[in-house]
């Protein structure tokens, strides 16, 4: 009797290095250089910046955890941190001036 063995090769692609994804206007930093698949990395906005939109409770999100998937993409997608300003807060919370 013949025994057949099937072998699978799984190719996993490393995600792009975050230091090449980050730009001068990104206003976020990270603490690890790991880009292997299934790696979680926390991105932190610079002081005075936040990810948009804010959390459902209205609090500014200053950190975001992204995961390097086996397809070589970071998820969820991330962009740039934006300055926290009173204009943004007014739009989000419909703040009315008392003057």
PDB file of N, CA and C in Angstrom:
ATOM      1  N   UNK A   1       0.837  -1.165   0.000  1.00  0.00           N
ATOM      2  CA  UNK A   1       0.000   0.000   0.000  1.00  0.00           C
ATOM      3  C   UNK A   1       0.890   1.239   0.000  1.00  0.00           C
ATOM      4  N   UNK A   2       0.500   2.197  -0.801  1.00  0.00           N
ATOM      5  CA  UNK A   2       1.261   3.438  -0.890  1.00  0.00           C
ATOM      6  C   UNK A   2       0.710   4.465   0.089  1.00  0.00           C
ATOM      7  N   UNK A   3       1.594   5.146   0.708  1.00  0.00           N
ATOM      8  CA  UNK A   3       1.191   6.230   1.621  1.00  0.00           C
ATOM      9  C   UNK A   3       1.559   7.554   0.964  1.00  0.00           C
ATOM     10  N   UNK A   4       0.599   8.412   0.855  1.00  0.00           N
ATOM     11  CA  UNK A   4       0.843   9.713   0.238  1.00  0.00           C
ATOM     12  C   UNK A   4       0.831  10.788   1.314  1.00  0.00           C
ATOM     13  N   UNK A   5       1.786  11.626   1.211  1.00  0.00           N
ATOM     14  CA  UNK A   5       1.877  12.736   2.146  1.00  0.00           C
ATOM     15  C   UNK A   5       1.710  14.037   1.373  1.00  0.00           C
ATOM     16  N   UNK A   6       0.824  14.837   1.844  1.00  0.00           N
ATOM     17  CA  UNK A   6       0.617  16.149   1.223  1.00  0.00           C
ATOM     18  C   UNK A   6       1.202  17.191   2.155  1.00  0.00           C
ATOM     19  N   UNK A   7       2.067  18.010   1.612  1.00  0.00           N
ATOM     20  CA  UNK A   7       2.687  19.064   2.393  1.00  0.00           C
ATOM     21  C   UNK A   7       2.204  20.416   1.874  1.00  0.00           C
ATOM     22  N   UNK A   8       1.885  21.279   2.798  1.00  0.00           N
ATOM     23  CA  UNK A   8       1.454  22.620   2.443  1.00  0.00           C
ATOM     24  C   UNK A   8       2.536  23.608   2.826  1.00  0.00           C
ATOM     25  N   UNK A   9       2.752  24.541   1.964  1.00  0.00           N
ATOM     26  CA  UNK A   9       3.671  25.627   2.265  1.00  0.00           C
ATOM     27  C   UNK A   9       2.834  26.893   2.380  1.00  0.00           C
ATOM     28  N   UNK A  10       2.951  27.539   3.507  1.00  0.00           N
ATOM     29  CA  UNK A  10       2.197  28.772   3.721  1.00  0.00           C
ATOM     30  C   UNK A  10       3.181  29.931   3.659  1.00  0.00           C
ATOM     31  N   UNK A  11       2.921  30.825   2.729  1.00  0.00           N
ATOM     32  CA  UNK A  11       3.760  32.006   2.611  1.00  0.00           C
ATOM     33  C   UNK A  11       3.092  33.151   3.353  1.00  0.00           C
ATOM     34  N   UNK A  12       3.828  33.753   4.224  1.00  0.00           N
ATOM     35  CA  UNK A  12       3.326  34.914   4.947  1.00  0.00           C
ATOM     36  C   UNK A  12       4.196  36.093   4.575  1.00  0.00           C
ATOM     37  N   UNK A  13       3.558  37.185   4.326  1.00  0.00           N
ATOM     38  CA  UNK A  13       4.265  38.376   3.880  1.00  0.00           C
ATOM     39  C   UNK A  13       4.372  39.353   5.041  1.00  0.00           C
ATOM     40  N   UNK A  14       5.557  39.872   5.265  1.00  0.00           N
ATOM     41  CA  UNK A  14       5.732  40.884   6.305  1.00  0.00           C
ATOM     42  C   UNK A  14       5.069  42.182   5.854  1.00  0.00           C
ATOM     43  N   UNK A  15       4.552  42.918   6.803  1.00  0.00           N
ATOM     44  CA  UNK A  15       3.937  44.212   6.505  1.00  0.00           C
ATOM     45  C   UNK A  15       5.022  45.246   6.234  1.00  0.00           C
ATOM     46  N   UNK A  16       4.648  46.333   5.530  1.00  0.00           N
ATOM     47  CA  UNK A  16       5.622  47.395   5.302  1.00  0.00           C
ATOM     48  C   UNK A  16       6.102  47.968   6.636  1.00  0.00           C
ATOM     49  N   UNK A  17       7.357  48.328   6.699  1.00  0.00           N
ATOM     50  CA  UNK A  17       7.907  48.911   7.922  1.00  0.00           C
ATOM     51  C   UNK A  17       7.161  50.198   8.245  1.00  0.00           C
ATOM     52  N   UNK A  18       6.789  50.352   9.496  1.00  0.00           N
ATOM     53  CA  UNK A  18       6.029  51.534   9.892  1.00  0.00           C
ATOM     54  C   UNK A  18       6.834  52.813   9.732  1.00  0.00           C
ATOM     55  N   UNK A  19       8.153  52.740   9.868  1.00  0.00           N
ATOM     56  CA  UNK A  19       8.930  53.954   9.717  1.00  0.00           C
ATOM     57  C   UNK A  19       8.974  54.436   8.270  1.00  0.00           C
ATOM     58  N   UNK A  20       8.646  53.565   7.297  1.00  0.00           N
ATOM     59  CA  UNK A  20       8.539  54.027   5.912  1.00  0.00           C
ATOM     60  C   UNK A  20       7.106  54.431   5.585  1.00  0.00           C
ATOM     61  N   UNK A  21       6.138  53.958   6.367  1.00  0.00           N
ATOM     62  CA  UNK A  21       4.732  54.320   6.170  1.00  0.00           C
ATOM     63  C   UNK A  21       4.459  55.693   6.777  1.00  0.00           C
ATOM     64  N   UNK A  22       5.145  55.970   7.868  1.00  0.00           N
ATOM     65  CA  UNK A  22       4.956  57.225   8.592  1.00  0.00           C
ATOM     66  C   UNK A  22       5.562  58.379   7.795  1.00  0.00           C
ATOM     67  N   UNK A  23       4.887  59.529   7.787  1.00  0.00           N
ATOM     68  CA  UNK A  23       5.394  60.713   7.109  1.00  0.00           C
ATOM     69  C   UNK A  23       5.655  61.818   8.126  1.00  0.00           C
ATOM     70  N   UNK A  24       6.205  62.917   7.660  1.00  0.00           N
ATOM     71  CA  UNK A  24       6.473  64.054   8.545  1.00  0.00           C
ATOM     72  C   UNK A  24       5.198  64.565   9.189  1.00  0.00           C
ATOM     73  N   UNK A  25       4.072  64.491   8.481  1.00  0.00           N
ATOM     74  CA  UNK A  25       2.815  65.029   9.018  1.00  0.00           C
ATOM     75  C   UNK A  25       1.950  63.983   9.700  1.00  0.00           C
ATOM     76  N   UNK A  26       2.464  62.773   9.871  1.00  0.00           N
ATOM     77  CA  UNK A  26       1.674  61.714  10.504  1.00  0.00           C
ATOM     78  C   UNK A  26       1.388  62.002  11.967  1.00  0.00           C
ATOM     79  N   UNK A  27       2.360  62.594  12.660  1.00  0.00           N
ATOM     80  CA  UNK A  27       2.217  62.956  14.074  1.00  0.00           C
ATOM     81  C   UNK A  27       1.920  61.769  14.981  1.00  0.00           C
ATOM     82  N   UNK A  28       2.460  60.590  14.650  1.00  0.00           N
ATOM     83  CA  UNK A  28       2.360  59.431  15.534  1.00  0.00           C
ATOM     84  C   UNK A  28       3.699  58.725  15.573  1.00  0.00           C
ATOM     85  N   UNK A  29       3.882  57.915  16.636  1.00  0.00           N
ATOM     86  CA  UNK A  29       5.104  57.135  16.779  1.00  0.00           C
ATOM     87  C   UNK A  29       4.742  55.750  17.312  1.00  0.00           C
ATOM     88  N   UNK A  30       5.713  54.865  17.321  1.00  0.00           N
ATOM     89  CA  UNK A  30       5.503  53.489  17.773  1.00  0.00           C
ATOM     90  C   UNK A  30       6.765  53.028  18.467  1.00  0.00           C
ATOM     91  N   UNK A  31       6.653  51.948  19.239  1.00  0.00           N
ATOM     92  CA  UNK A  31       7.763  51.499  20.070  1.00  0.00           C
ATOM     93  C   UNK A  31       8.433  50.210  19.605  1.00  0.00           C
ATOM     94  N   UNK A  32       8.046  49.678  18.470  1.00  0.00           N
ATOM     95  CA  UNK A  32       8.634  48.414  18.016  1.00  0.00           C
ATOM     96  C   UNK A  32       8.907  48.478  16.525  1.00  0.00           C
ATOM     97  N   UNK A  33       9.837  47.694  16.063  1.00  0.00           N
ATOM     98  CA  UNK A  33      10.146  47.607  14.633  1.00  0.00           C
ATOM     99  C   UNK A  33       9.573  46.334  14.022  1.00  0.00           C
ATOM    100  N   UNK A  34       8.855  45.532  14.824  1.00  0.00           N
ATOM    101  CA  UNK A  34       8.333  44.240  14.346  1.00  0.00           C
ATOM    102  C   UNK A  34       7.347  44.438  13.209  1.00  0.00           C
ATOM    103  N   UNK A  35       7.514  43.686  12.152  1.00  0.00           N
ATOM    104  CA  UNK A  35       6.585  43.746  11.027  1.00  0.00           C
ATOM    105  C   UNK A  35       6.162  42.353  10.574  1.00  0.00           C
ATOM    106  N   UNK A  36       6.417  41.347  11.404  1.00  0.00           N
ATOM    107  CA  UNK A  36       6.024  39.983  11.061  1.00  0.00           C
ATOM    108  C   UNK A  36       4.510  39.854  11.083  1.00  0.00           C
ATOM    109  N   UNK A  37       3.994  38.830  10.384  1.00  0.00           N
ATOM    110  CA  UNK A  37       2.551  38.617  10.356  1.00  0.00           C
ATOM    111  C   UNK A  37       2.039  38.362  11.769  1.00  0.00           C
ATOM    112  N   UNK A  38       0.824  38.745  11.995  1.00  0.00           N
ATOM    113  CA  UNK A  38       0.127  38.573  13.267  1.00  0.00           C
ATOM    114  C   UNK A  38       0.789  39.338  14.421  1.00  0.00           C
ATOM    115  N   UNK A  39       1.453  40.437  14.086  1.00  0.00           N
ATOM    116  CA  UNK A  39       2.079  41.291  15.090  1.00  0.00           C
ATOM    117  C   UNK A  39       1.167  42.477  15.363  1.00  0.00           C
ATOM    118  N   UNK A  40       0.926  42.777  16.638  1.00  0.00           N
ATOM    119  CA  UNK A  40       0.177  43.971  17.019  1.00  0.00           C
ATOM    120  C   UNK A  40       1.162  45.070  17.388  1.00  0.00           C
ATOM    121  N   UNK A  41       0.893  46.270  16.899  1.00  0.00           N
ATOM    122  CA  UNK A  41       1.728  47.424  17.201  1.00  0.00           C
ATOM    123  C   UNK A  41       0.807  48.561  17.632  1.00  0.00           C
ATOM    124  N   UNK A  42       1.176  49.248  18.710  1.00  0.00           N
ATOM    125  CA  UNK A  42       0.392  50.390  19.171  1.00  0.00           C
ATOM    126  C   UNK A  42       1.022  51.672  18.639  1.00  0.00           C
ATOM    127  N   UNK A  43       0.213  52.437  17.919  1.00  0.00           N
ATOM    128  CA  UNK A  43       0.627  53.743  17.408  1.00  0.00           C
ATOM    129  C   UNK A  43       0.109  54.797  18.374  1.00  0.00           C
ATOM    130  N   UNK A  44       0.942  55.753  18.742  1.00  0.00           N
ATOM    131  CA  UNK A  44       0.570  56.778  19.706  1.00  0.00           C
ATOM    132  C   UNK A  44       0.716  58.151  19.074  1.00  0.00           C
ATOM    133  N   UNK A  45      -0.342  58.958  19.170  1.00  0.00           N
ATOM    134  CA  UNK A  45      -0.299  60.316  18.625  1.00  0.00           C
ATOM    135  C   UNK A  45       0.613  61.189  19.475  1.00  0.00           C
ATOM    136  N   UNK A  46       1.215  62.173  18.844  1.00  0.00           N
ATOM    137  CA  UNK A  46       2.029  63.161  19.555  1.00  0.00           C
ATOM    138  C   UNK A  46       1.113  63.982  20.458  1.00  0.00           C
ATOM    139  N   UNK A  47       1.691  64.635  21.465  1.00  0.00           N
ATOM    140  CA  UNK A  47       0.914  65.476  22.385  1.00  0.00           C
ATOM    141  C   UNK A  47       0.142  66.530  21.588  1.00  0.00           C
ATOM    142  N   UNK A  48      -1.151  66.683  21.913  1.00  0.00           N
ATOM    143  CA  UNK A  48      -1.989  67.659  21.232  1.00  0.00           C
ATOM    144  C   UNK A  48      -2.634  67.149  19.949  1.00  0.00           C
ATOM    145  N   UNK A  49      -2.465  65.852  19.659  1.00  0.00           N
ATOM    146  CA  UNK A  49      -3.035  65.245  18.450  1.00  0.00           C
ATOM    147  C   UNK A  49      -3.872  64.034  18.837  1.00  0.00           C
ATOM    148  N   UNK A  50      -4.789  63.641  17.952  1.00  0.00           N
ATOM    149  CA  UNK A  50      -5.615  62.464  18.177  1.00  0.00           C
ATOM    150  C   UNK A  50      -6.004  61.841  16.841  1.00  0.00           C
ATOM    151  N   UNK A  51      -6.451  60.588  16.930  1.00  0.00           N
ATOM    152  CA  UNK A  51      -6.987  59.901  15.748  1.00  0.00           C
ATOM    153  C   UNK A  51      -8.414  60.374  15.562  1.00  0.00           C
ATOM    154  N   UNK A  52      -8.838  60.527  14.355  1.00  0.00           N
ATOM    155  CA  UNK A  52     -10.227  60.867  14.085  1.00  0.00           C
ATOM    156  C   UNK A  52     -10.908  59.657  13.494  1.00  0.00           C
ATOM    157  N   UNK A  53     -12.137  59.387  13.754  1.00  0.00           N
ATOM    158  CA  UNK A  53     -12.996  60.110  14.689  1.00  0.00           C
ATOM    159  C   UNK A  53     -12.682  59.713  16.131  1.00  0.00           C
ATOM    160  N   UNK A  54     -13.206  60.482  17.091  1.00  0.00           N
ATOM    161  CA  UNK A  54     -12.992  60.123  18.492  1.00  0.00           C
ATOM    162  C   UNK A  54     -13.763  58.854  18.830  1.00  0.00           C
ATOM    163  N   UNK A  55     -13.530  58.333  19.997  1.00  0.00           N
ATOM    164  CA  UNK A  55     -14.226  57.122  20.425  1.00  0.00           C
ATOM    165  C   UNK A  55     -15.719  57.399  20.524  1.00  0.00           C
ATOM    166  N   UNK A  56     -16.508  56.356  20.617  1.00  0.00           N
ATOM    167  CA  UNK A  56     -17.961  56.513  20.700  1.00  0.00           C
ATOM    168  C   UNK A  56     -18.382  57.277  21.951  1.00  0.00           C
ATOM    169  N   UNK A  57     -17.548  57.243  22.976  1.00  0.00           N
ATOM    170  CA  UNK A  57     -17.888  57.973  24.201  1.00  0.00           C
ATOM    171  C   UNK A  57     -17.445  59.430  24.118  1.00  0.00           C
ATOM    172  N   UNK A  58     -16.866  59.826  22.984  1.00  0.00           N
ATOM    173  CA  UNK A  58     -16.472  61.214  22.795  1.00  0.00           C
ATOM    174  C   UNK A  58     -15.072  61.538  23.264  1.00  0.00           C
ATOM    175  N   UNK A  59     -14.363  60.554  23.817  1.00  0.00           N
ATOM    176  CA  UNK A  59     -13.008  60.808  24.291  1.00  0.00           C
ATOM    177  C   UNK A  59     -12.025  60.717  23.126  1.00  0.00           C
ATOM    178  N   UNK A  60     -11.029  61.581  23.134  1.00  0.00           N
ATOM    179  CA  UNK A  60     -10.036  61.519  22.054  1.00  0.00           C
ATOM    180  C   UNK A  60      -9.286  60.186  22.074  1.00  0.00           C
ATOM    181  N   UNK A  61      -9.126  59.589  20.920  1.00  0.00           N
ATOM    182  CA  UNK A  61      -8.309  58.381  20.794  1.00  0.00           C
ATOM    183  C   UNK A  61      -6.899  58.828  20.482  1.00  0.00           C
ATOM    184  N   UNK A  62      -5.986  58.643  21.421  1.00  0.00           N
ATOM    185  CA  UNK A  62      -4.603  59.039  21.188  1.00  0.00           C
ATOM    186  C   UNK A  62      -3.723  57.839  20.851  1.00  0.00           C
ATOM    187  N   UNK A  63      -4.263  56.624  20.973  1.00  0.00           N
ATOM    188  CA  UNK A  63      -3.529  55.420  20.584  1.00  0.00           C
ATOM    189  C   UNK A  63      -4.405  54.567  19.675  1.00  0.00           C
ATOM    190  N   UNK A  64      -3.757  53.791  18.845  1.00  0.00           N
ATOM    191  CA  UNK A  64      -4.463  52.867  17.952  1.00  0.00           C
ATOM    192  C   UNK A  64      -3.599  51.631  17.816  1.00  0.00           C
ATOM    193  N   UNK A  65      -4.206  50.445  18.000  1.00  0.00           N
ATOM    194  CA  UNK A  65      -3.482  49.191  17.817  1.00  0.00           C
ATOM    195  C   UNK A  65      -3.784  48.658  16.425  1.00  0.00           C
ATOM    196  N   UNK A  66      -2.725  48.375  15.676  1.00  0.00           N
ATOM    197  CA  UNK A  66      -2.871  47.826  14.329  1.00  0.00           C
ATOM    198  C   UNK A  66      -2.220  46.450  14.305  1.00  0.00           C
ATOM    199  N   UNK A  67      -2.699  45.596  13.417  1.00  0.00           N
ATOM    200  CA  UNK A  67      -2.218  44.225  13.321  1.00  0.00           C
ATOM    201  C   UNK A  67      -1.680  43.967  11.925  1.00  0.00           C
ATOM    202  N   UNK A  68      -0.529  43.312  11.865  1.00  0.00           N
ATOM    203  CA  UNK A  68       0.044  42.906  10.577  1.00  0.00           C
ATOM    204  C   UNK A  68      -0.576  41.567  10.194  1.00  0.00           C
ATOM    205  N   UNK A  69      -1.421  41.575   9.192  1.00  0.00           N
ATOM    206  CA  UNK A  69      -2.096  40.360   8.751  1.00  0.00           C
ATOM    207  C   UNK A  69      -1.207  39.473   7.896  1.00  0.00           C
ATOM    208  N   UNK A  70      -1.625  38.240   7.690  1.00  0.00           N
ATOM    209  CA  UNK A  70      -0.833  37.289   6.894  1.00  0.00           C
ATOM    210  C   UNK A  70      -0.771  37.699   5.424  1.00  0.00           C
ATOM    211  N   UNK A  71      -1.631  38.669   5.036  1.00  0.00           N
ATOM    212  CA  UNK A  71      -1.599  39.165   3.657  1.00  0.00           C
ATOM    213  C   UNK A  71      -0.622  40.324   3.478  1.00  0.00           C
ATOM    214  N   UNK A  72       0.056  40.722   4.565  1.00  0.00           N
ATOM    215  CA  UNK A  72       1.038  41.794   4.468  1.00  0.00           C
ATOM    216  C   UNK A  72       0.462  43.183   4.596  1.00  0.00           C
ATOM    217  N   UNK A  73      -0.755  43.304   5.136  1.00  0.00           N
ATOM    218  CA  UNK A  73      -1.382  44.610   5.308  1.00  0.00           C
ATOM    219  C   UNK A  73      -1.646  44.897   6.776  1.00  0.00           C
ATOM    220  N   UNK A  74      -1.503  46.163   7.141  1.00  0.00           N
ATOM    221  CA  UNK A  74      -1.852  46.601   8.497  1.00  0.00           C
ATOM    222  C   UNK A  74      -3.342  46.854   8.565  1.00  0.00           C
ATOM    223  N   UNK A  75      -4.010  46.333   9.608  1.00  0.00           N
ATOM    224  CA  UNK A  75      -5.433  46.591   9.811  1.00  0.00           C
ATOM    225  C   UNK A  75      -5.666  46.933  11.279  1.00  0.00           C
ATOM    226  N   UNK A  76      -6.589  47.813  11.609  1.00  0.00           N
ATOM    227  CA  UNK A  76      -7.343  48.597  10.643  1.00  0.00           C
ATOM    228  C   UNK A  76      -6.435  49.617   9.965  1.00  0.00           C
ATOM    229  N   UNK A  77      -6.945  50.182   8.874  1.00  0.00           N
ATOM    230  CA  UNK A  77      -6.179  51.199   8.155  1.00  0.00           C
ATOM    231  C   UNK A  77      -5.924  52.386   9.077  1.00  0.00           C
ATOM    232  N   UNK A  78      -4.823  53.034   8.877  1.00  0.00           N
ATOM    233  CA  UNK A  78      -4.517  54.190   9.708  1.00  0.00           C
ATOM    234  C   UNK A  78      -4.005  55.318   8.833  1.00  0.00           C
ATOM    235  N   UNK A  79      -4.224  56.516   9.297  1.00  0.00           N
ATOM    236  CA  UNK A  79      -3.771  57.696   8.564  1.00  0.00           C
ATOM    237  C   UNK A  79      -2.896  58.538   9.455  1.00  0.00           C
ATOM    238  N   UNK A  80      -3.248  59.785   9.562  1.00  0.00           N
ATOM    239  CA  UNK A  80      -2.469  60.723  10.352  1.00  0.00           C
ATOM    240  C   UNK A  80      -3.243  61.138  11.592  1.00  0.00           C
ATOM    241  N   UNK A  81      -2.525  61.448  12.657  1.00  0.00           N
ATOM    242  CA  UNK A  81      -3.144  62.070  13.824  1.00  0.00           C
ATOM    243  C   UNK A  81      -3.391  63.539  13.458  1.00  0.00           C
ATOM    244  N   UNK A  82      -4.484  64.088  13.941  1.00  0.00           N
ATOM    245  CA  UNK A  82      -4.822  65.479  13.631  1.00  0.00           C
ATOM    246  C   UNK A  82      -4.804  66.304  14.910  1.00  0.00           C
ATOM    247  N   UNK A  83      -4.537  67.622  14.780  1.00  0.00           N
ATOM    248  CA  UNK A  83      -4.510  68.470  15.974  1.00  0.00           C
ATOM    249  C   UNK A  83      -5.871  68.504  16.659  1.00  0.00           C
ATOM    250  N   UNK A  84      -5.847  68.480  17.976  1.00  0.00           N
ATOM    251  CA  UNK A  84      -7.079  68.655  18.748  1.00  0.00           C
ATOM    252  C   UNK A  84      -7.331  70.155  18.797  1.00  0.00           C
ATOM    253  N   UNK A  85      -8.476  70.579  18.317  1.00  0.00           N
ATOM    254  CA  UNK A  85      -8.783  72.004  18.329  1.00  0.00           C
ATOM    255  C   UNK A  85     -10.207  72.210  18.823  1.00  0.00           C
ATOM    256  N   UNK A  86     -10.495  73.390  19.284  1.00  0.00           N
ATOM    257  CA  UNK A  86     -11.846  73.704  19.752  1.00  0.00           C
ATOM    258  C   UNK A  86     -12.850  73.605  18.614  1.00  0.00           C
ATOM    259  N   UNK A  87     -12.435  73.924  17.382  1.00  0.00           N
ATOM    260  CA  UNK A  87     -13.364  73.829  16.252  1.00  0.00           C
ATOM    261  C   UNK A  87     -13.829  72.390  16.053  1.00  0.00           C
ATOM    262  N   UNK A  88     -12.909  71.440  16.173  1.00  0.00           N
ATOM    263  CA  UNK A  88     -13.285  70.029  16.034  1.00  0.00           C
ATOM    264  C   UNK A  88     -14.222  69.636  17.163  1.00  0.00           C
ATOM    265  N   UNK A  89     -13.903  70.065  18.388  1.00  0.00           N
ATOM    266  CA  UNK A  89     -14.755  69.734  19.525  1.00  0.00           C
ATOM    267  C   UNK A  89     -16.145  70.334  19.359  1.00  0.00           C
ATOM    268  N   UNK A  90     -16.223  71.571  18.846  1.00  0.00           N
ATOM    269  CA  UNK A  90     -17.535  72.196  18.626  1.00  0.00           C
ATOM    270  C   UNK A  90     -18.361  71.391  17.627  1.00  0.00           C
ATOM    271  N   UNK A  91     -17.718  70.960  16.544  1.00  0.00           N
ATOM    272  CA  UNK A  91     -18.434  70.182  15.529  1.00  0.00           C
ATOM    273  C   UNK A  91     -18.916  68.853  16.093  1.00  0.00           C
ATOM    274  N   UNK A  92     -18.064  68.205  16.863  1.00  0.00           N
ATOM    275  CA  UNK A  92     -18.415  66.876  17.377  1.00  0.00           C
ATOM    276  C   UNK A  92     -19.499  66.912  18.439  1.00  0.00           C
ATOM    277  N   UNK A  93     -19.451  67.905  19.283  1.00  0.00           N
ATOM    278  CA  UNK A  93     -20.337  67.926  20.425  1.00  0.00           C
ATOM    279  C   UNK A  93     -21.364  69.061  20.381  1.00  0.00           C
ATOM    280  N   UNK A  94     -21.408  69.790  19.262  1.00  0.00           N
ATOM    281  CA  UNK A  94     -22.379  70.856  19.063  1.00  0.00           C
ATOM    282  C   UNK A  94     -22.329  71.835  20.248  1.00  0.00           C
ATOM    283  N   UNK A  95     -21.111  72.280  20.556  1.00  0.00           N
ATOM    284  CA  UNK A  95     -20.917  73.213  21.671  1.00  0.00           C
ATOM    285  C   UNK A  95     -21.381  74.608  21.236  1.00  0.00           C
ATOM    286  N   UNK A  96     -22.159  75.237  22.086  1.00  0.00           N
ATOM    287  CA  UNK A  96     -22.682  76.568  21.793  1.00  0.00           C
ATOM    288  C   UNK A  96     -21.970  77.564  22.699  1.00  0.00           C
ATOM    289  N   UNK A  97     -21.549  78.675  22.132  1.00  0.00           N
ATOM    290  CA  UNK A  97     -20.883  79.701  22.910  1.00  0.00           C
ATOM    291  C   UNK A  97     -21.896  80.391  23.840  1.00  0.00           C
ATOM    292  N   UNK A  98     -21.468  80.717  25.052  1.00  0.00           N
ATOM    293  CA  UNK A  98     -22.355  81.354  26.033  1.00  0.00           C
ATOM    294  C   UNK A  98     -22.161  82.868  26.062  1.00  0.00           C
ATOM    295  N   UNK A  99     -21.451  83.423  25.120  1.00  0.00           N
ATOM    296  CA  UNK A  99     -21.192  84.862  25.168  1.00  0.00           C
ATOM    297  C   UNK A  99     -22.299  85.686  24.573  1.00  0.00           C
TER     298      UNK A  99
END
